[in-house]
C-alpha atoms as a PDB file:
ATOM      1  CA  MET A   1     -23.766 -21.308 -48.359  1.00  0.00           C
ATOM      2  CA  GLU A   2     -22.982 -22.718 -44.618  1.00  0.00           C
ATOM      3  CA  THR A   3     -23.694 -19.873 -42.089  1.00  0.00           C
ATOM      4  CA  PHE A   4     -26.730 -17.349 -41.800  1.00  0.00           C
ATOM      5  CA  ASN A   5     -23.897 -14.858 -42.146  1.00  0.00           C
ATOM      6  CA  GLN A   6     -22.785 -15.978 -45.649  1.00  0.00           C
ATOM      7  CA  ALA A   7     -26.710 -15.690 -46.598  1.00  0.00           C
ATOM      8  CA  VAL A   8     -27.100 -12.329 -45.061  1.00  0.00           C
ATOM      9  CA  TYR A   9     -24.060 -10.799 -47.013  1.00  0.00           C
ATOM     10  CA  GLU A  10     -25.118 -12.539 -50.412  1.00  0.00           C
ATOM     11  CA  LYS A  11     -28.438 -11.081 -50.235  1.00  0.00           C
ATOM     12  CA  LEU A  12     -27.107  -7.586 -49.213  1.00  0.00           C
ATOM     13  CA  ASN A  13     -24.531  -8.282 -52.106  1.00  0.00           C
ATOM     14  CA  ASN A  14     -26.894  -9.003 -54.511  1.00  0.00           C
ATOM     15  CA  VAL A  15     -29.272  -5.652 -53.855  1.00  0.00           C
ATOM     16  CA  GLY A  16     -26.021  -3.538 -54.197  1.00  0.00           C
ATOM     17  CA  GLU A  17     -25.423  -4.808 -57.409  1.00  0.00           C
ATOM     18  CA  VAL A  18     -29.467  -3.942 -58.159  1.00  0.00           C
ATOM     19  CA  VAL A  19     -28.914  -0.442 -56.714  1.00  0.00           C
ATOM     20  CA  ILE A  20     -25.609   0.351 -58.369  1.00  0.00           C
ATOM     21  CA  ARG A  21     -27.437  -0.760 -61.872  1.00  0.00           C
ATOM     22  CA  LYS A  22     -30.471   0.853 -61.561  1.00  0.00           C
ATOM     23  CA  GLN A  23     -28.138   3.927 -60.307  1.00  0.00           C
ATOM     24  CA  HIS A  24     -26.483   3.866 -64.020  1.00  0.00           C
ATOM     25  CA  ASP A  25     -29.787   3.598 -65.844  1.00  0.00           C
ATOM     26  CA  TYR A  26     -31.860   6.274 -63.919  1.00  0.00           C
ATOM     27  CA  GLY A  27     -29.082   8.681 -62.485  1.00  0.00           C
ATOM     28  CA  SER A  28     -29.389  10.211 -59.023  1.00  0.00           C
ATOM     29  CA  GLY A  29     -31.915  13.378 -60.412  1.00  0.00           C
ATOM     30  CA  ASN A  30     -34.861  10.944 -60.235  1.00  0.00           C
ATOM     31  CA  ILE A  31     -33.981  11.126 -56.536  1.00  0.00           C
ATOM     32  CA  LEU A  32     -32.387  14.189 -55.928  1.00  0.00           C
ATOM     33  CA  ASN A  33     -34.645  16.373 -58.193  1.00  0.00           C
ATOM     34  CA  ALA A  34     -38.003  15.273 -56.694  1.00  0.00           C
ATOM     35  CA  PRO A  35     -40.608  18.065 -55.592  1.00  0.00           C
ATOM     36  CA  VAL A  36     -40.150  16.843 -52.069  1.00  0.00           C
ATOM     37  CA  ASP A  37     -37.692  16.212 -49.653  1.00  0.00           C
ATOM     38  CA  PRO A  38     -35.632  13.245 -51.303  1.00  0.00           C
ATOM     39  CA  ARG A  39     -36.092  11.251 -48.626  1.00  0.00           C
ATOM     40  CA  LEU A  40     -39.919  11.568 -48.345  1.00  0.00           C
ATOM     41  CA  GLY A  41     -39.673  11.087 -52.108  1.00  0.00           C
ATOM     42  CA  VAL A  42     -38.337   7.343 -51.659  1.00  0.00           C
ATOM     43  CA  LEU A  43     -40.489   6.629 -48.699  1.00  0.00           C
ATOM     44  CA  ILE A  44     -43.485   7.080 -50.917  1.00  0.00           C
ATOM     45  CA  ARG A  45     -41.797   4.782 -53.538  1.00  0.00           C
ATOM     46  CA  LEU A  46     -41.195   2.285 -50.731  1.00  0.00           C
ATOM     47  CA  ASN A  47     -44.555   2.198 -49.429  1.00  0.00           C
ATOM     48  CA  ASP A  48     -45.755   1.606 -52.977  1.00  0.00           C
ATOM     49  CA  LYS A  49     -43.460  -1.275 -52.480  1.00  0.00           C
ATOM     50  CA  LEU A  50     -44.966  -2.280 -49.297  1.00  0.00           C
ATOM     51  CA  HIS A  51     -48.201  -2.502 -50.326  1.00  0.00           C
ATOM     52  CA  ARG A  52     -47.706  -3.749 -53.408  1.00  0.00           C
ATOM     53  CA  ALA A  53     -46.238  -6.936 -51.628  1.00  0.00           C
ATOM     54  CA  ALA A  54     -48.924  -6.870 -49.087  1.00  0.00           C
ATOM     55  CA  ASN A  55     -51.695  -7.166 -52.007  1.00  0.00           C
ATOM     56  CA  LEU A  56     -49.961 -10.017 -53.736  1.00  0.00           C
ATOM     57  CA  ILE A  57     -49.179 -12.040 -50.716  1.00  0.00           C
ATOM     58  CA  ASN A  58     -53.102 -11.186 -49.457  1.00  0.00           C
ATOM     59  CA  LYS A  59     -54.621 -12.312 -52.730  1.00  0.00           C
ATOM     60  CA  GLY A  60     -52.068 -15.427 -53.108  1.00  0.00           C
ATOM     61  CA  ALA A  61     -51.883 -13.921 -56.553  1.00  0.00           C
ATOM     62  CA  ASP A  62     -48.878 -14.648 -58.960  1.00  0.00           C
ATOM     63  CA  PRO A  63     -47.529 -11.688 -60.221  1.00  0.00           C
ATOM     64  CA  LYS A  64     -47.556 -10.989 -64.163  1.00  0.00           C
ATOM     65  CA  ASN A  65     -44.403  -8.888 -64.042  1.00  0.00           C
ATOM     66  CA  GLU A  66     -42.175  -8.156 -60.991  1.00  0.00           C
ATOM     67  CA  SER A  67     -41.750 -11.194 -58.877  1.00  0.00           C
ATOM     68  CA  LEU A  68     -41.777 -10.613 -55.022  1.00  0.00           C
ATOM     69  CA  GLN A  69     -38.384 -11.378 -55.006  1.00  0.00           C
ATOM     70  CA  ASP A  70     -37.722  -8.369 -57.224  1.00  0.00           C
ATOM     71  CA  THR A  71     -40.172  -6.177 -55.183  1.00  0.00           C
ATOM     72  CA  TYR A  72     -38.545  -7.335 -51.729  1.00  0.00           C
ATOM     73  CA  THR A  73     -34.932  -6.588 -53.579  1.00  0.00           C
ATOM     74  CA  ASP A  74     -36.064  -3.051 -54.137  1.00  0.00           C
ATOM     75  CA  ILE A  75     -37.500  -2.438 -50.727  1.00  0.00           C
ATOM     76  CA  VAL A  76     -33.856  -2.977 -49.361  1.00  0.00           C
ATOM     77  CA  GLY A  77     -32.500  -0.899 -52.330  1.00  0.00           C
ATOM     78  CA  TYR A  78     -34.876   2.115 -51.132  1.00  0.00           C
ATOM     79  CA  GLY A  79     -33.770   1.841 -47.457  1.00  0.00           C
ATOM     80  CA  THR A  80     -29.928   1.520 -48.597  1.00  0.00           C
ATOM     81  CA  ILE A  81     -30.962   4.874 -50.643  1.00  0.00           C
ATOM     82  CA  LEU A  82     -32.454   6.061 -47.404  1.00  0.00           C
ATOM     83  CA  LEU A  83     -29.469   5.793 -45.414  1.00  0.00           C
ATOM     84  CA  MET A  84     -27.244   6.959 -48.023  1.00  0.00           C
ATOM     85  CA  LEU A  85     -29.099  10.203 -48.343  1.00  0.00           C
ATOM     86  CA  GLN A  86     -29.192  10.620 -44.700  1.00  0.00           C
ATOM     87  CA  ASP A  87     -25.415  10.560 -44.635  1.00  0.00           C
ATOM     88  CA  GLY A  88     -24.630  12.230 -47.830  1.00  0.00           C
ATOM     89  CA  SER A  89     -23.212   9.426 -49.915  1.00  0.00           C
ATOM     90  CA  PHE A  90     -26.247   9.287 -52.016  1.00  0.00           C
ATOM     91  CA  GLU A  91     -24.140  11.850 -54.291  1.00  0.00           C
ATOM     92  CA  LEU A  92     -21.089  10.440 -54.434  1.00  0.00           C
ATOM     93  CA  PRO A  93     -19.491   9.930 -58.001  1.00  0.00           C
ATOM     94  CA  LEU A  94     -20.718   6.515 -59.542  1.00  0.00           C
ATOM     95  CA  ASP A  95     -17.482   3.854 -60.627  1.00  0.00           C
ATOM     96  CA  ASN A  96     -18.396   3.329 -63.963  1.00  0.00           C
ATOM     97  CA  GLY A  97     -16.082   0.708 -63.906  1.00  0.00           C
ATOM     98  CA  LYS A  98     -17.810  -1.728 -61.469  1.00  0.00           C
ATOM     99  CA  VAL A  99     -21.473  -2.937 -60.733  1.00  0.00           C
END
């Protein structure tokens, strides 16, 4: 990696792959069928991730299950899902041939 731009695209590509893999596992129903507006449901999940990261950083704790890198990836992933919910693209069909 030689530039900031390349680093950004590499991180975003990684997040995209994680979001797609999780969509394969969970499907869209876990978000679209929330008992509240799906965007609020995602914001609640995002809030949980933010508090988890802050707690671990403040304690200087070594996570036992999910790394901080994984948590940060999920935070960006939830932001991506929010963008997709907002523009309607979250309900597009999943391409089963691509990850």
